[in-house]
């Protein structure tokens, strides 16, 4: 148990992209909301159902990617619970579409839905607080961030569904007053106690990376893949495609800002030039 009313079941899908695996969270004491059921794995389904023996009120999905959503339908069916998500972008069809700003109530807790596109167009975060606050561990709200913010690494933004400008705007939204302090429960890795500090560092990193991409492009026309070795030092070959996708996302944003151009911004292999 991470704190009263919150536990985690780690999915058996460790990789260079998912770290130790996907975090499936269970929020509640009598009944629970299950957040991000994870990959379609029978062993993981059994472990989540065992952990939720008190009953499942909701199955919630932050976004449609293959390490977060595929088990959602099987879990919802097995538990007899509604499957809720923000959008329709691939690997699951929710029973009901969530709305930005909507609040869900689960066993003494309140969950606010925040649409945070960028990593994926249908990405949302869930801000949890005790309702009313009566538990010491819950005086600081908890933000379930899926892949919007992670522990131990930055996030890949892969166009066309991923969008760098939207991602930056979604990060800034988490810092708008009167948001205040929050702890991050990421989709991968451990809890992050200083949520606003981590979000601010993500913003700083992304804007610095944007300038690195612009500087590399100023050396001459290049594709996103050709820019990768100019920007990333000692990059693992396993991450080269992910890095190229993020560079592409930055190039598309530079295009929006009038700082770069190419014949087809929607083509990963397009050749770009600085303006």
Protein backbone atom coordinates (compact mmCIF):
# COMPACT_ATOMS: atom_id res chain seq x y z
CA UNK A 1 0.00 0.00 0.00
CA UNK A 2 1.39 3.40 -1.02
CA UNK A 3 -0.86 5.37 1.35
CA UNK A 4 -4.22 4.77 2.94
CA UNK A 5 -6.70 3.99 0.18
CA UNK A 6 -4.05 3.67 -2.53
CA UNK A 7 -2.19 0.60 -3.75
CA UNK A 8 -0.32 -0.41 -6.89
CA UNK A 9 -0.02 -3.58 -8.94
CA UNK A 10 3.01 -3.56 -11.26
CA UNK A 11 2.35 -5.00 -14.71
CA UNK A 12 4.87 -7.58 -15.97
CA UNK A 13 5.97 -5.50 -18.97
CA UNK A 14 9.40 -4.03 -18.12
CA UNK A 15 11.29 -2.57 -21.07
CA UNK A 16 13.51 0.28 -22.15
CA UNK A 17 10.34 2.32 -22.75
CA UNK A 18 8.25 1.28 -19.73
CA UNK A 19 10.97 1.06 -17.07
CA UNK A 20 10.00 -1.49 -14.39
CA UNK A 21 6.55 -1.85 -15.97
CA UNK A 22 3.18 -0.11 -16.03
CA UNK A 23 1.72 1.00 -12.70
CA UNK A 24 -1.89 -0.11 -12.24
CA UNK A 25 -3.31 1.92 -9.33
CA UNK A 26 -6.24 1.04 -7.08
CA UNK A 27 -7.87 3.99 -5.31
CA UNK A 28 -10.44 3.48 -2.54
CA UNK A 29 -11.06 1.37 0.53
CA UNK A 30 -14.48 -0.30 0.25
CA UNK A 31 -14.70 -0.15 -3.54
CA UNK A 32 -11.86 0.96 -5.80
CA UNK A 33 -11.24 2.78 -9.04
CA UNK A 34 -8.62 0.94 -11.10
CA UNK A 35 -6.44 3.37 -13.08
CA UNK A 36 -4.54 2.10 -16.16
CA UNK A 37 -5.12 -1.67 -16.20
CA UNK A 38 -2.10 -2.08 -18.48
CA UNK A 39 -1.25 -4.67 -21.15
CA UNK A 40 -3.50 -7.61 -22.00
CA UNK A 41 -1.93 -10.17 -19.67
CA UNK A 42 -3.92 -12.90 -17.87
CA UNK A 43 -1.55 -12.99 -14.89
CA UNK A 44 -1.84 -9.26 -14.39
CA UNK A 45 -5.65 -9.44 -14.67
CA UNK A 46 -5.74 -12.07 -11.92
CA UNK A 47 -3.49 -10.00 -9.65
CA UNK A 48 -5.54 -6.83 -10.13
CA UNK A 49 -8.81 -8.66 -9.43
CA UNK A 50 -7.30 -10.19 -6.30
CA UNK A 51 -6.13 -6.78 -5.11
CA UNK A 52 -9.60 -5.36 -5.79
CA UNK A 53 -11.47 -8.07 -3.91
CA UNK A 54 -13.69 -5.44 -2.26
CA UNK A 55 -15.14 -4.56 -5.68
CA UNK A 56 -14.42 -2.22 -8.60
CA UNK A 57 -16.46 0.94 -9.07
CA UNK A 58 -14.67 2.24 -12.18
CA UNK A 59 -12.00 1.18 -14.64
CA UNK A 60 -10.18 4.35 -15.77
CA UNK A 61 -7.66 4.77 -18.59
CA UNK A 62 -5.30 7.74 -18.98
CA UNK A 63 -4.71 7.08 -22.70
CA UNK A 64 -4.95 4.43 -25.38
CA UNK A 65 -1.32 3.26 -25.66
CA UNK A 66 -0.55 -0.46 -25.61
CA UNK A 67 1.08 -0.47 -22.17
CA UNK A 68 -1.90 1.25 -20.48
CA UNK A 69 -5.22 0.33 -22.09
CA UNK A 70 -5.52 -3.18 -23.62
CA UNK A 71 -6.51 -4.99 -20.40
CA UNK A 72 -9.21 -2.43 -19.60
CA UNK A 73 -12.13 -4.15 -21.33
CA UNK A 74 -11.36 -7.59 -19.88
CA UNK A 75 -11.03 -6.11 -16.39
CA UNK A 76 -14.24 -4.11 -16.70
CA UNK A 77 -16.11 -7.22 -17.87
CA UNK A 78 -14.69 -9.45 -15.14
CA UNK A 79 -15.37 -6.87 -12.42
CA UNK A 80 -18.77 -5.75 -13.72
CA UNK A 81 -17.61 -2.12 -13.74
CA UNK A 82 -17.90 0.70 -16.31
CA UNK A 83 -14.85 1.51 -18.43
CA UNK A 84 -14.20 5.25 -18.67
CA UNK A 85 -11.70 7.16 -20.79
CA UNK A 86 -11.37 10.52 -22.46
CA UNK A 87 -11.30 9.60 -26.11
CA UNK A 88 -11.27 7.15 -28.93
CA UNK A 89 -7.77 6.89 -30.22
CA UNK A 90 -7.10 3.23 -30.69
CA UNK A 91 -6.96 0.27 -28.41
CA UNK A 92 -10.10 0.60 -26.31
CA UNK A 93 -13.67 1.82 -26.56
CA UNK A 94 -14.91 3.33 -23.28
CA UNK A 95 -18.43 2.73 -22.04
CA UNK A 96 -18.55 6.47 -21.40
CA UNK A 97 -16.34 9.33 -22.53
CA UNK A 98 -14.99 11.50 -19.74
CA UNK A 99 -15.18 15.29 -19.96
CA UNK A 100 -12.46 17.75 -19.02
CA UNK A 101 -13.18 19.10 -15.54
CA UNK A 102 -15.58 16.28 -14.66
CA UNK A 103 -15.42 14.89 -11.12
CA UNK A 104 -15.87 11.27 -10.09
CA UNK A 105 -16.54 10.19 -6.50
CA UNK A 106 -15.17 6.91 -5.25
CA UNK A 107 -15.41 5.73 -1.66
CA UNK A 108 -14.56 9.01 0.06
CA UNK A 109 -12.26 10.27 -2.67
CA UNK A 110 -12.83 12.82 -5.42
CA UNK A 111 -11.20 12.48 -8.85
CA UNK A 112 -11.00 15.48 -11.19
CA UNK A 113 -10.48 14.71 -14.89
CA UNK A 114 -7.86 16.87 -16.62
CA UNK A 115 -7.47 16.55 -20.39
CA UNK A 116 -3.71 16.74 -21.02
CA UNK A 117 -3.06 16.07 -24.72
CA UNK A 118 0.48 15.96 -26.06
CA UNK A 119 1.88 12.51 -25.42
CA UNK A 120 -1.39 11.27 -26.93
CA UNK A 121 -4.41 13.21 -28.17
CA UNK A 122 -6.73 11.42 -25.71
CA UNK A 123 -4.40 11.64 -22.70
CA UNK A 124 -5.90 12.70 -19.39
CA UNK A 125 -4.69 12.92 -15.80
CA UNK A 126 -6.73 12.31 -12.66
CA UNK A 127 -6.35 14.58 -9.62
CA UNK A 128 -7.36 12.73 -6.46
CA UNK A 129 -8.17 14.18 -3.07
CA UNK A 130 -9.87 12.88 0.06
CA UNK A 131 -13.44 14.14 0.24
CA UNK A 132 -13.63 15.55 2.85
CA UNK A 133 -9.96 15.68 3.82
CA UNK A 134 -9.68 13.53 6.93
CA UNK A 135 -6.65 11.39 6.20
CA UNK A 136 -3.19 12.77 6.99
CA UNK A 137 -1.60 11.30 3.86
CA UNK A 138 -4.17 13.07 1.67
CA UNK A 139 -3.69 16.68 2.74
CA UNK A 140 -1.67 16.97 -0.49
CA UNK A 141 -3.66 15.83 -3.56
CA UNK A 142 -2.33 13.05 -5.77
CA UNK A 143 -2.10 13.44 -9.55
CA UNK A 144 -2.24 10.24 -11.64
CA UNK A 145 -0.25 11.30 -14.71
CA UNK A 146 -0.10 8.22 -16.94
CA UNK A 147 2.64 9.10 -19.43
CA UNK A 148 2.28 12.87 -19.09
CA UNK A 149 5.01 12.91 -16.42
CA UNK A 150 7.06 9.86 -15.46
CA UNK A 151 9.59 8.93 -12.82
CA UNK A 152 13.20 8.58 -13.94
CA UNK A 153 12.91 9.78 -17.53
CA UNK A 154 11.23 12.23 -19.88
CA UNK A 155 8.31 11.39 -22.15
CA UNK A 156 8.39 10.50 -25.85
CA UNK A 157 6.19 12.72 -28.04
CA UNK A 158 5.54 10.80 -31.25
CA UNK A 159 3.59 12.55 -34.04
CA UNK A 160 1.11 12.57 -35.58
CA UNK A 161 -0.99 11.69 -32.52
CA UNK A 162 1.64 13.21 -30.24
CA UNK A 163 1.97 16.99 -30.40
CA UNK A 164 4.74 19.04 -28.76
CA UNK A 165 2.87 22.33 -28.59
CA UNK A 166 -0.11 20.65 -26.92
CA UNK A 167 2.25 18.83 -24.58
CA UNK A 168 3.88 22.05 -23.39
CA UNK A 169 0.46 23.66 -22.90
CA UNK A 170 -0.70 20.64 -20.90
CA UNK A 171 2.37 20.83 -18.66
CA UNK A 172 1.75 24.53 -18.06
CA UNK A 173 -1.85 23.80 -17.14
CA UNK A 174 -0.67 21.77 -14.15
CA UNK A 175 1.17 24.81 -12.79
CA UNK A 176 -1.67 27.30 -13.16
CA UNK A 177 -2.99 28.82 -9.92
CA UNK A 178 -4.75 27.85 -7.74
CA UNK A 179 -3.48 24.30 -8.38
CA UNK A 180 -1.02 24.35 -5.48
CA UNK A 181 1.04 21.37 -4.31
CA UNK A 182 0.45 17.81 -5.49
CA UNK A 183 2.21 14.44 -5.45
CA UNK A 184 2.59 12.65 -8.80
CA UNK A 185 1.61 9.01 -9.24
CA UNK A 186 3.21 8.30 -12.63
CA UNK A 187 2.37 5.51 -15.05
CA UNK A 188 5.93 4.23 -14.68
CA UNK A 189 8.21 4.46 -11.64
CA UNK A 190 7.80 5.68 -8.09
CA UNK A 191 5.72 8.47 -6.55
CA UNK A 192 7.14 11.97 -7.08
CA UNK A 193 6.64 14.04 -3.93
CA UNK A 194 7.31 17.47 -5.47
CA UNK A 195 4.85 17.36 -8.34
CA UNK A 196 5.02 21.04 -9.37
CA UNK A 197 8.83 20.95 -9.22
CA UNK A 198 8.96 17.95 -11.55
CA UNK A 199 6.51 19.54 -13.99
CA UNK A 200 8.56 22.75 -14.02
CA UNK A 201 11.73 20.74 -14.71
CA UNK A 202 9.97 18.97 -17.60
CA UNK A 203 9.05 22.33 -19.11
CA UNK A 204 12.59 23.62 -18.74
CA UNK A 205 14.00 20.46 -20.30
CA UNK A 206 11.64 20.58 -23.29
CA UNK A 207 12.30 24.23 -24.05
CA UNK A 208 16.06 23.62 -23.80
CA UNK A 209 15.72 20.64 -26.15
CA UNK A 210 13.80 22.82 -28.59
CA UNK A 211 16.75 25.20 -28.77
CA UNK A 212 19.14 22.27 -29.23
CA UNK A 213 17.07 21.04 -32.19
CA UNK A 214 17.03 24.54 -33.68
CA UNK A 215 20.80 24.88 -33.24
CA UNK A 216 21.46 21.48 -34.83
CA UNK A 217 19.22 22.34 -37.78
CA UNK A 218 21.06 25.63 -38.29
CA UNK A 219 24.09 23.55 -39.36
CA UNK A 220 22.26 22.54 -42.52
CA UNK A 221 19.17 20.76 -43.88
CA UNK A 222 18.54 17.37 -42.26
CA UNK A 223 15.90 14.80 -41.38
CA UNK A 224 14.82 14.17 -37.80
CA UNK A 225 16.87 10.95 -37.71
CA UNK A 226 19.97 12.76 -39.01
CA UNK A 227 19.66 15.32 -36.22
CA UNK A 228 19.51 12.72 -33.44
CA UNK A 229 23.29 12.15 -33.10
CA UNK A 230 23.86 15.91 -33.06
CA UNK A 231 21.50 16.32 -30.10
CA UNK A 232 21.71 13.16 -28.00
CA UNK A 233 25.02 12.02 -26.54
CA UNK A 234 25.68 8.31 -25.90
CA UNK A 235 22.15 7.33 -26.93
CA UNK A 236 21.25 3.64 -26.66
CA UNK A 237 20.42 2.20 -30.12
CA UNK A 238 17.18 0.90 -28.61
CA UNK A 239 16.05 4.49 -28.11
CA UNK A 240 17.05 5.89 -31.50
CA UNK A 241 13.55 5.72 -33.05
CA UNK A 242 11.94 7.25 -29.96
CA UNK A 243 14.51 10.05 -30.06
CA UNK A 244 13.82 10.65 -33.76
CA UNK A 245 10.08 10.89 -32.99
CA UNK A 246 10.66 13.50 -30.29
CA UNK A 247 13.00 15.50 -32.58
CA UNK A 248 10.29 15.34 -35.26
CA UNK A 249 7.76 16.68 -32.73
CA UNK A 250 10.12 19.57 -31.93
CA UNK A 251 10.63 20.27 -35.64
CA UNK A 252 6.88 20.42 -36.18
CA UNK A 253 6.62 22.91 -33.32
CA UNK A 254 9.47 24.99 -34.81
CA UNK A 255 7.51 24.95 -38.07
CA UNK A 256 4.45 26.32 -36.21
CA UNK A 257 6.67 29.05 -34.75
CA UNK A 258 8.05 29.99 -38.17
CA UNK A 259 11.58 28.81 -37.31
CA UNK A 260 11.82 25.74 -39.60
CA UNK A 261 10.24 24.41 -42.76
CA UNK A 262 9.96 21.31 -44.92
CA UNK A 263 7.81 20.07 -47.78
CA UNK A 264 5.77 17.68 -45.61
CA UNK A 265 5.78 18.16 -41.81
CA UNK A 266 3.66 15.01 -41.50
CA UNK A 267 6.48 12.83 -42.89
CA UNK A 268 9.00 11.54 -40.35
CA UNK A 269 11.56 11.18 -43.13
CA UNK A 270 11.15 14.71 -44.49
CA UNK A 271 14.18 16.98 -44.84
CA UNK A 272 13.99 20.18 -42.81
CA UNK A 273 15.78 23.50 -43.02
CA UNK A 274 16.09 26.38 -40.59
CA UNK A 275 14.41 29.73 -41.14
